[in-house]
Amino acid sequence: MYPVAAAALGRVLTVAGMMATDMKSIDNVLSIIVKGDGPLGNIVCVARQDGALKGYVNNPQLDLPLNHKGKLDVGKAVGRTGTLTVIKDLGLKEPYVGQVNLVTGEIGDDMANYYWISEQQPSVVALGVLVNPDLSVRASGGYIIQPLPEADEEIIGSIEKKIKEMPSVSSLIEQGHSPEGILEILLGNFDLKILGRTPLSFHCDCNRERLEQVVISLGKEELTNIMETDGQAELICHYCNTKYYFSREELASLIEKAE
C-alpha cells in the first residue's frame, strides 16, 4: 500500500477495532464501509468482538501529494462526498445498519458525526497512522471519548479543554506513548481505571466453501459462459489476496448446484 491508502485503511481499522470490542458477544461482527467520491475508492473493514480484523481499499497504490499542513491527504483520497455505513451483526434476525453522509473524509470527524446522527451519542474520535519511508506502517492508534448521560457538565468541559490542547494521535504515538499513556494524559485527573484490554490481530476467515457459494451465485448462464470461454475460474479474496482456482470439472459440478 502507498502511504495515503495505508493511513486511510489504518484509521478505519483502528476505529472498527475499538467499536467491535464494545459489543456483547464473541460472535458479534461489526463492518464499516466508506464510499467516498475520491480516487481511493471504497474502504471496507470488518472487526469481531475478540479483536480479529480485516479490511481493504479499492486503490491501495494511490499516490497523492501532502496537504497544506504537510500531512497525508486522507480527506482528498477518500473524498468529502459520499457515505459512511456501520453494520452491526448482533446475531439477531436482521443486522443493525446506520448510515451517514461524509463530513470531511478524514474518518475521525466522519465517525464522530455517525455517533451523533445515528446513535445520538456525542463523541470525540481521534485517529492517527504513522507510515515509514519504506511504506511499512509504523503504528496506528486512536481514541473514542463519550460522556455517560448523567456526566457532570464541568467535567465534560474540562475534558473538552484538554482535548483541544492535545497533540495529534500520530504525534503522541511518535513520542512513544502507549494507549494507557494517552488515556492518562486525557483522563488522568478523573480517577482513571483501565477496565479491560483486547489484543488486535489480522484474521481473514475466507475459505474454499465460502467462495464456492460466491461462484454458484453467478448463476448457470454466467458459469457456463465462463467454463466455455476460459475453461476455469479464479477468485481472489479482497482481504488477504488468497487465490482460489476452480477447474472445468469443478465449474461443471457448481453449475449443477446452481440449477
C-alpha atoms as a PDB file:
ATOM      1  CA  MET A   1       0.000   0.000   0.000  1.00  0.00           C
ATOM      2  CA  TYR A   2       1.074   3.577  -0.621  1.00  0.00           C
ATOM      3  CA  PRO A   3       1.116   5.915   2.419  1.00  0.00           C
ATOM      4  CA  VAL A   4      -2.202   7.739   1.940  1.00  0.00           C
ATOM      5  CA  ALA A   5      -4.055   4.452   1.332  1.00  0.00           C
ATOM      6  CA  ALA A   6      -2.416   2.873   4.390  1.00  0.00           C
ATOM      7  CA  ALA A   7      -3.355   5.884   6.510  1.00  0.00           C
ATOM      8  CA  ALA A   8      -6.992   5.755   5.411  1.00  0.00           C
ATOM      9  CA  LEU A   9      -7.326   1.996   5.912  1.00  0.00           C
ATOM     10  CA  GLY A  10      -5.440   2.180   9.220  1.00  0.00           C
ATOM     11  CA  ARG A  11      -7.838   4.796  10.591  1.00  0.00           C
ATOM     12  CA  VAL A  12     -10.921   2.762   9.655  1.00  0.00           C
ATOM     13  CA  LEU A  13      -9.417  -0.478  11.009  1.00  0.00           C
ATOM     14  CA  THR A  14      -8.494   1.276  14.259  1.00  0.00           C
ATOM     15  CA  VAL A  15     -11.955   2.698  14.910  1.00  0.00           C
ATOM     16  CA  ALA A  16     -13.587  -0.587  13.841  1.00  0.00           C
ATOM     17  CA  GLY A  17     -11.418  -2.464  16.326  1.00  0.00           C
ATOM     18  CA  MET A  18     -12.379  -0.100  19.166  1.00  0.00           C
ATOM     19  CA  MET A  19     -16.080  -0.216  18.323  1.00  0.00           C
ATOM     20  CA  ALA A  20     -16.176  -4.018  17.969  1.00  0.00           C
ATOM     21  CA  THR A  21     -14.640  -4.709  21.382  1.00  0.00           C
ATOM     22  CA  ASP A  22     -17.579  -2.818  22.883  1.00  0.00           C
ATOM     23  CA  MET A  23     -20.072  -5.380  21.568  1.00  0.00           C
ATOM     24  CA  LYS A  24     -21.502  -8.042  23.887  1.00  0.00           C
ATOM     25  CA  SER A  25     -20.792 -11.435  22.308  1.00  0.00           C
ATOM     26  CA  ILE A  26     -17.744 -13.057  20.717  1.00  0.00           C
ATOM     27  CA  ASP A  27     -19.942 -13.918  17.716  1.00  0.00           C
ATOM     28  CA  ASN A  28     -20.842 -10.250  17.086  1.00  0.00           C
ATOM     29  CA  VAL A  29     -19.352  -8.715  13.940  1.00  0.00           C
ATOM     30  CA  LEU A  30     -19.039  -5.042  13.004  1.00  0.00           C
ATOM     31  CA  SER A  31     -18.447  -3.752   9.471  1.00  0.00           C
ATOM     32  CA  ILE A  32     -17.600  -0.214   8.360  1.00  0.00           C
ATOM     33  CA  ILE A  33     -17.949   0.736   4.685  1.00  0.00           C
ATOM     34  CA  VAL A  34     -16.709   4.138   3.497  1.00  0.00           C
ATOM     35  CA  LYS A  35     -17.827   5.116  -0.002  1.00  0.00           C
ATOM     36  CA  GLY A  36     -16.399   8.477  -0.987  1.00  0.00           C
ATOM     37  CA  ASP A  37     -16.008  10.231  -4.340  1.00  0.00           C
ATOM     38  CA  GLY A  38     -12.217  10.376  -4.008  1.00  0.00           C
ATOM     39  CA  PRO A  39      -9.691   8.347  -6.023  1.00  0.00           C
ATOM     40  CA  LEU A  40      -9.121   5.827  -3.194  1.00  0.00           C
ATOM     41  CA  GLY A  41     -12.470   4.127  -3.853  1.00  0.00           C
ATOM     42  CA  ASN A  42     -14.277   2.155  -1.168  1.00  0.00           C
ATOM     43  CA  ILE A  43     -12.820   1.216   2.211  1.00  0.00           C
ATOM     44  CA  VAL A  44     -14.269  -1.931   3.795  1.00  0.00           C
ATOM     45  CA  CYS A  45     -13.311  -3.119   7.288  1.00  0.00           C
ATOM     46  CA  VAL A  46     -14.684  -5.983   9.368  1.00  0.00           C
ATOM     47  CA  ALA A  47     -13.982  -6.426  13.094  1.00  0.00           C
ATOM     48  CA  ARG A  48     -15.007  -9.061  15.598  1.00  0.00           C
ATOM     49  CA  GLN A  49     -15.583  -8.625  19.306  1.00  0.00           C
ATOM     50  CA  ASP A  50     -12.474 -10.733  20.060  1.00  0.00           C
ATOM     51  CA  GLY A  51     -10.168  -8.284  18.233  1.00  0.00           C
ATOM     52  CA  ALA A  52      -9.878 -10.050  14.848  1.00  0.00           C
ATOM     53  CA  LEU A  53      -9.718  -7.509  11.997  1.00  0.00           C
ATOM     54  CA  LYS A  54      -9.628  -7.473   8.218  1.00  0.00           C
ATOM     55  CA  GLY A  55     -10.032  -4.740   5.621  1.00  0.00           C
ATOM     56  CA  TYR A  56      -9.146  -3.437   2.171  1.00  0.00           C
ATOM     57  CA  VAL A  57      -9.276  -0.387  -0.071  1.00  0.00           C
ATOM     58  CA  ASN A  58     -10.093  -0.386  -3.796  1.00  0.00           C
ATOM     59  CA  ASN A  59      -6.963   1.533  -4.833  1.00  0.00           C
ATOM     60  CA  PRO A  60      -4.108   0.590  -2.460  1.00  0.00           C
ATOM     61  CA  GLN A  61      -1.406   2.154  -4.642  1.00  0.00           C
ATOM     62  CA  LEU A  62      -2.911   5.633  -4.765  1.00  0.00           C
ATOM     63  CA  ASP A  63      -0.238   8.344  -4.520  1.00  0.00           C
ATOM     64  CA  LEU A  64      -1.171  11.936  -3.623  1.00  0.00           C
ATOM     65  CA  PRO A  65       0.866  14.997  -2.621  1.00  0.00           C
ATOM     66  CA  LEU A  66       0.795  16.024   1.049  1.00  0.00           C
ATOM     67  CA  ASN A  67      -1.884  18.504   2.137  1.00  0.00           C
ATOM     68  CA  HIS A  68      -1.241  22.146   3.124  1.00  0.00           C
ATOM     69  CA  LYS A  69      -0.242  21.011   6.649  1.00  0.00           C
ATOM     70  CA  GLY A  70       2.373  18.629   5.281  1.00  0.00           C
ATOM     71  CA  LYS A  71       0.271  15.600   6.252  1.00  0.00           C
ATOM     72  CA  LEU A  72      -1.076  12.656   4.264  1.00  0.00           C
ATOM     73  CA  ASP A  73      -4.193  13.926   2.480  1.00  0.00           C
ATOM     74  CA  VAL A  74      -6.672  11.255   3.588  1.00  0.00           C
ATOM     75  CA  GLY A  75      -9.631  13.608   3.083  1.00  0.00           C
ATOM     76  CA  LYS A  76      -8.810  14.144  -0.590  1.00  0.00           C
ATOM     77  CA  ALA A  77      -8.117  10.431  -1.109  1.00  0.00           C
ATOM     78  CA  VAL A  78     -11.442   9.366   0.422  1.00  0.00           C
ATOM     79  CA  GLY A  79     -13.451  12.322  -0.864  1.00  0.00           C
ATOM     80  CA  ARG A  80     -15.772  14.630   1.005  1.00  0.00           C
ATOM     81  CA  THR A  81     -18.964  13.493  -0.704  1.00  0.00           C
ATOM     82  CA  GLY A  82     -20.281  10.011  -0.040  1.00  0.00           C
ATOM     83  CA  THR A  83     -21.470   7.792   2.793  1.00  0.00           C
ATOM     84  CA  LEU A  84     -20.180   6.008   5.869  1.00  0.00           C
ATOM     85  CA  THR A  85     -22.100   2.864   6.807  1.00  0.00           C
ATOM     86  CA  VAL A  86     -21.818   0.877  10.043  1.00  0.00           C
ATOM     87  CA  ILE A  87     -23.305  -2.633  10.127  1.00  0.00           C
ATOM     88  CA  LYS A  88     -23.581  -4.492  13.442  1.00  0.00           C
ATOM     89  CA  ASP A  89     -24.417  -8.193  13.219  1.00  0.00           C
ATOM     90  CA  LEU A  90     -25.575  -8.964  16.757  1.00  0.00           C
ATOM     91  CA  GLY A  91     -26.933 -12.411  15.993  1.00  0.00           C
ATOM     92  CA  LEU A  92     -30.494 -11.141  15.613  1.00  0.00           C
ATOM     93  CA  LYS A  93     -32.809 -11.703  12.662  1.00  0.00           C
ATOM     94  CA  GLU A  94     -31.625  -8.529  10.938  1.00  0.00           C
ATOM     95  CA  PRO A  95     -28.347  -6.636  11.457  1.00  0.00           C
ATOM     96  CA  TYR A  96     -28.354  -3.030  12.688  1.00  0.00           C
ATOM     97  CA  VAL A  97     -27.416  -0.651   9.855  1.00  0.00           C
ATOM     98  CA  GLY A  98     -26.597   3.024  10.343  1.00  0.00           C
ATOM     99  CA  GLN A  99     -25.558   5.346   7.525  1.00  0.00           C
ATOM    100  CA  VAL A 100     -24.481   8.998   7.418  1.00  0.00           C
ATOM    101  CA  ASN A 101     -23.019  11.333   4.831  1.00  0.00           C
ATOM    102  CA  LEU A 102     -19.293  12.008   4.901  1.00  0.00           C
ATOM    103  CA  VAL A 103     -18.242  15.282   6.517  1.00  0.00           C
ATOM    104  CA  THR A 104     -14.520  15.648   5.757  1.00  0.00           C
ATOM    105  CA  GLY A 105     -13.362  12.219   4.576  1.00  0.00           C
ATOM    106  CA  GLU A 106     -10.729  12.273   7.324  1.00  0.00           C
ATOM    107  CA  ILE A 107     -12.549   9.353   9.071  1.00  0.00           C
ATOM    108  CA  GLY A 108     -12.306  10.682  12.657  1.00  0.00           C
ATOM    109  CA  ASP A 109     -14.721  13.571  12.008  1.00  0.00           C
ATOM    110  CA  ASP A 110     -16.946  11.259   9.996  1.00  0.00           C
ATOM    111  CA  MET A 111     -17.147   8.679  12.802  1.00  0.00           C
ATOM    112  CA  ALA A 112     -17.976  11.386  15.348  1.00  0.00           C
ATOM    113  CA  ASN A 113     -20.753  12.544  13.007  1.00  0.00           C
ATOM    114  CA  TYR A 114     -22.003   8.934  12.744  1.00  0.00           C
ATOM    115  CA  TYR A 115     -22.230   8.618  16.524  1.00  0.00           C
ATOM    116  CA  TRP A 116     -24.146  11.893  16.796  1.00  0.00           C
ATOM    117  CA  ILE A 117     -26.558  11.376  13.884  1.00  0.00           C
ATOM    118  CA  SER A 118     -27.124   7.614  14.000  1.00  0.00           C
ATOM    119  CA  GLU A 119     -26.737   6.799  17.700  1.00  0.00           C
ATOM    120  CA  GLN A 120     -27.458  10.231  19.273  1.00  0.00           C
ATOM    121  CA  GLN A 121     -24.193   9.908  21.206  1.00  0.00           C
ATOM    122  CA  PRO A 122     -21.883  12.961  21.469  1.00  0.00           C
ATOM    123  CA  SER A 123     -18.362  11.682  20.865  1.00  0.00           C
ATOM    124  CA  VAL A 124     -14.792  12.702  20.228  1.00  0.00           C
ATOM    125  CA  VAL A 125     -12.999  10.409  17.770  1.00  0.00           C
ATOM    126  CA  ALA A 126      -9.267  10.883  17.142  1.00  0.00           C
ATOM    127  CA  LEU A 127      -7.295   8.592  14.825  1.00  0.00           C
ATOM    128  CA  GLY A 128      -3.743   8.543  13.521  1.00  0.00           C
ATOM    129  CA  VAL A 129      -1.441   6.365  11.417  1.00  0.00           C
ATOM    130  CA  LEU A 130       2.338   6.649  11.046  1.00  0.00           C
ATOM    131  CA  VAL A 131       3.815   5.375   7.766  1.00  0.00           C
ATOM    132  CA  ASN A 132       7.558   4.761   7.440  1.00  0.00           C
ATOM    133  CA  PRO A 133       9.617   5.953   4.435  1.00  0.00           C
ATOM    134  CA  ASP A 134       9.789   2.327   3.216  1.00  0.00           C
ATOM    135  CA  LEU A 135       5.931   2.320   3.072  1.00  0.00           C
ATOM    136  CA  SER A 136       5.543  -0.008   6.069  1.00  0.00           C
ATOM    137  CA  VAL A 137       3.152   1.089   8.809  1.00  0.00           C
ATOM    138  CA  ARG A 138       4.948   2.092  11.987  1.00  0.00           C
ATOM    139  CA  ALA A 139       1.893   2.392  14.213  1.00  0.00           C
ATOM    140  CA  SER A 140      -1.818   3.134  14.208  1.00  0.00           C
ATOM    141  CA  GLY A 141      -3.903   4.339  17.124  1.00  0.00           C
ATOM    142  CA  GLY A 142      -6.785   6.399  18.336  1.00  0.00           C
ATOM    143  CA  TYR A 143      -9.381   7.036  20.999  1.00  0.00           C
ATOM    144  CA  ILE A 144     -13.124   7.499  21.337  1.00  0.00           C
ATOM    145  CA  ILE A 145     -14.430   9.527  24.283  1.00  0.00           C
ATOM    146  CA  GLN A 146     -18.135   9.542  25.133  1.00  0.00           C
ATOM    147  CA  PRO A 147     -19.853  11.015  28.208  1.00  0.00           C
ATOM    148  CA  LEU A 148     -22.437   8.976  30.092  1.00  0.00           C
ATOM    149  CA  PRO A 149     -25.951  10.548  30.235  1.00  0.00           C
ATOM    150  CA  GLU A 150     -25.510  11.893  33.792  1.00  0.00           C
ATOM    151  CA  ALA A 151     -21.957  13.161  33.309  1.00  0.00           C
ATOM    152  CA  ASP A 152     -21.140  16.421  35.119  1.00  0.00           C
ATOM    153  CA  GLU A 153     -21.044  19.386  32.706  1.00  0.00           C
ATOM    154  CA  GLU A 154     -17.996  20.831  34.451  1.00  0.00           C
ATOM    155  CA  ILE A 155     -16.064  17.587  33.964  1.00  0.00           C
ATOM    156  CA  ILE A 156     -17.141  17.424  30.296  1.00  0.00           C
ATOM    157  CA  GLY A 157     -15.935  20.998  29.805  1.00  0.00           C
ATOM    158  CA  SER A 158     -12.599  20.173  31.437  1.00  0.00           C
ATOM    159  CA  ILE A 159     -12.080  17.156  29.183  1.00  0.00           C
ATOM    160  CA  GLU A 160     -13.061  19.167  26.085  1.00  0.00           C
ATOM    161  CA  LYS A 161     -10.431  21.758  27.021  1.00  0.00           C
ATOM    162  CA  LYS A 162      -7.817  19.025  27.453  1.00  0.00           C
ATOM    163  CA  ILE A 163      -8.678  17.511  24.053  1.00  0.00           C
ATOM    164  CA  LYS A 164      -8.214  20.885  22.331  1.00  0.00           C
ATOM    165  CA  GLU A 165      -4.733  21.159  23.884  1.00  0.00           C
ATOM    166  CA  MET A 166      -3.748  17.600  22.933  1.00  0.00           C
ATOM    167  CA  PRO A 167      -1.236  16.884  20.157  1.00  0.00           C
ATOM    168  CA  SER A 168      -2.438  14.657  17.337  1.00  0.00           C
ATOM    169  CA  VAL A 169      -2.637  10.913  17.920  1.00  0.00           C
ATOM    170  CA  SER A 170       0.216  10.407  15.438  1.00  0.00           C
ATOM    171  CA  SER A 171       2.412  12.783  17.458  1.00  0.00           C
ATOM    172  CA  LEU A 172       1.586  11.004  20.714  1.00  0.00           C
ATOM    173  CA  ILE A 173       2.445   7.627  19.190  1.00  0.00           C
ATOM    174  CA  GLU A 174       5.671   9.035  17.740  1.00  0.00           C
ATOM    175  CA  GLN A 175       6.598  10.266  21.228  1.00  0.00           C
ATOM    176  CA  GLY A 176       6.283   6.694  22.473  1.00  0.00           C
ATOM    177  CA  HIS A 177       3.017   6.936  24.398  1.00  0.00           C
ATOM    178  CA  SER A 178       1.135   3.672  24.944  1.00  0.00           C
ATOM    179  CA  PRO A 179      -2.698   3.509  24.780  1.00  0.00           C
ATOM    180  CA  GLU A 180      -2.726   3.678  28.586  1.00  0.00           C
ATOM    181  CA  GLY A 181      -0.364   6.660  28.460  1.00  0.00           C
ATOM    182  CA  ILE A 182      -2.627   8.556  26.063  1.00  0.00           C
ATOM    183  CA  LEU A 183      -5.636   7.881  28.310  1.00  0.00           C
ATOM    184  CA  GLU A 184      -3.627   9.083  31.312  1.00  0.00           C
ATOM    185  CA  ILE A 185      -2.925  12.385  29.557  1.00  0.00           C
ATOM    186  CA  LEU A 186      -6.603  12.788  28.656  1.00  0.00           C
ATOM    187  CA  LEU A 187      -8.358  11.471  31.752  1.00  0.00           C
ATOM    188  CA  GLY A 188      -5.693  11.037  34.437  1.00  0.00           C
ATOM    189  CA  ASN A 189      -7.249  13.731  36.625  1.00  0.00           C
ATOM    190  CA  PHE A 190     -10.529  11.820  36.886  1.00  0.00           C
ATOM    191  CA  ASP A 191      -9.557   8.655  38.770  1.00  0.00           C
ATOM    192  CA  LEU A 192      -8.873   6.710  35.559  1.00  0.00           C
ATOM    193  CA  LYS A 193      -9.358   2.929  35.735  1.00  0.00           C
ATOM    194  CA  ILE A 194      -8.460   0.504  32.920  1.00  0.00           C
ATOM    195  CA  LEU A 195     -11.328  -1.999  32.727  1.00  0.00           C
ATOM    196  CA  GLY A 196     -10.015  -4.302  30.019  1.00  0.00           C
ATOM    197  CA  ARG A 197      -7.506  -4.961  27.248  1.00  0.00           C
ATOM    198  CA  THR A 198      -8.105  -6.695  23.916  1.00  0.00           C
ATOM    199  CA  PRO A 199      -5.229  -7.648  21.579  1.00  0.00           C
ATOM    200  CA  LEU A 200      -5.941  -6.910  17.896  1.00  0.00           C
ATOM    201  CA  SER A 201      -4.844  -9.146  15.027  1.00  0.00           C
ATOM    202  CA  PHE A 202      -5.372  -9.586  11.298  1.00  0.00           C
ATOM    203  CA  HIS A 203      -7.564 -12.600  10.565  1.00  0.00           C
ATOM    204  CA  CYS A 204      -9.250 -13.492   7.281  1.00  0.00           C
ATOM    205  CA  ASP A 205     -11.911 -16.193   7.510  1.00  0.00           C
ATOM    206  CA  CYS A 206     -12.204 -16.844   3.777  1.00  0.00           C
ATOM    207  CA  ASN A 207     -12.281 -20.494   2.651  1.00  0.00           C
ATOM    208  CA  ARG A 208     -12.995 -22.542  -0.443  1.00  0.00           C
ATOM    209  CA  GLU A 209     -16.530 -23.466   0.636  1.00  0.00           C
ATOM    210  CA  ARG A 210     -17.487 -19.810   1.037  1.00  0.00           C
ATOM    211  CA  LEU A 211     -16.009 -18.908  -2.347  1.00  0.00           C
ATOM    212  CA  GLU A 212     -17.936 -21.791  -3.926  1.00  0.00           C
ATOM    213  CA  GLN A 213     -21.146 -20.113  -2.799  1.00  0.00           C
ATOM    214  CA  VAL A 214     -19.983 -16.883  -4.467  1.00  0.00           C
ATOM    215  CA  VAL A 215     -19.355 -18.783  -7.719  1.00  0.00           C
ATOM    216  CA  ILE A 216     -22.743 -20.530  -7.543  1.00  0.00           C
ATOM    217  CA  SER A 217     -24.463 -17.172  -7.014  1.00  0.00           C
ATOM    218  CA  LEU A 218     -23.330 -16.128 -10.512  1.00  0.00           C
ATOM    219  CA  GLY A 219     -25.989 -18.466 -11.931  1.00  0.00           C
ATOM    220  CA  LYS A 220     -25.991 -21.225 -14.529  1.00  0.00           C
ATOM    221  CA  GLU A 221     -25.771 -18.965 -17.603  1.00  0.00           C
ATOM    222  CA  GLU A 222     -22.772 -16.953 -16.377  1.00  0.00           C
ATOM    223  CA  LEU A 223     -20.957 -20.069 -15.123  1.00  0.00           C
ATOM    224  CA  THR A 224     -21.498 -21.866 -18.407  1.00  0.00           C
ATOM    225  CA  ASN A 225     -20.090 -18.873 -20.278  1.00  0.00           C
ATOM    226  CA  ILE A 226     -17.001 -18.822 -18.013  1.00  0.00           C
ATOM    227  CA  MET A 227     -16.456 -22.565 -18.474  1.00  0.00           C
ATOM    228  CA  GLU A 228     -16.768 -22.379 -22.279  1.00  0.00           C
ATOM    229  CA  THR A 229     -14.713 -19.191 -22.638  1.00  0.00           C
ATOM    230  CA  ASP A 230     -11.928 -19.609 -20.053  1.00  0.00           C
ATOM    231  CA  GLY A 231     -12.173 -23.245 -19.044  1.00  0.00           C
ATOM    232  CA  GLN A 232     -11.586 -22.299 -15.422  1.00  0.00           C
ATOM    233  CA  ALA A 233     -12.275 -19.574 -12.866  1.00  0.00           C
ATOM    234  CA  GLU A 234     -10.019 -17.706 -10.456  1.00  0.00           C
ATOM    235  CA  LEU A 235     -11.293 -15.770  -7.426  1.00  0.00           C
ATOM    236  CA  ILE A 236      -9.085 -13.590  -5.230  1.00  0.00           C
ATOM    237  CA  CYS A 237     -10.052 -12.676  -1.669  1.00  0.00           C
ATOM    238  CA  HIS A 238     -10.147  -8.872  -1.269  1.00  0.00           C
ATOM    239  CA  TYR A 239      -8.911  -9.098   2.317  1.00  0.00           C
ATOM    240  CA  CYS A 240      -5.898 -11.440   2.157  1.00  0.00           C
ATOM    241  CA  ASN A 241      -5.224 -11.879  -1.620  1.00  0.00           C
ATOM    242  CA  THR A 242      -5.548 -15.678  -1.412  1.00  0.00           C
ATOM    243  CA  LYS A 243      -6.308 -17.122  -4.862  1.00  0.00           C
ATOM    244  CA  TYR A 244      -8.899 -19.846  -5.346  1.00  0.00           C
ATOM    245  CA  TYR A 245      -8.919 -21.818  -8.635  1.00  0.00           C
ATOM    246  CA  PHE A 246     -11.890 -23.747 -10.000  1.00  0.00           C
ATOM    247  CA  SER A 247     -11.232 -26.218 -12.841  1.00  0.00           C
ATOM    248  CA  ARG A 248     -13.604 -27.004 -15.712  1.00  0.00           C
ATOM    249  CA  GLU A 249     -14.782 -30.117 -13.839  1.00  0.00           C
ATOM    250  CA  GLU A 250     -15.399 -28.152 -10.658  1.00  0.00           C
ATOM    251  CA  LEU A 251     -17.316 -25.479 -12.567  1.00  0.00           C
ATOM    252  CA  ALA A 252     -19.488 -28.179 -14.154  1.00  0.00           C
ATOM    253  CA  SER A 253     -20.287 -29.501 -10.672  1.00  0.00           C
ATOM    254  CA  LEU A 254     -21.119 -25.996  -9.432  1.00  0.00           C
ATOM    255  CA  ILE A 255     -23.405 -25.439 -12.429  1.00  0.00           C
ATOM    256  CA  GLU A 256     -25.385 -28.479 -11.333  1.00  0.00           C
ATOM    257  CA  LYS A 257     -25.672 -26.981  -7.845  1.00  0.00           C
ATOM    258  CA  ALA A 258     -26.696 -23.624  -9.322  1.00  0.00           C
ATOM    259  CA  GLU A 259     -29.593 -25.348 -11.097  1.00  0.00           C
END
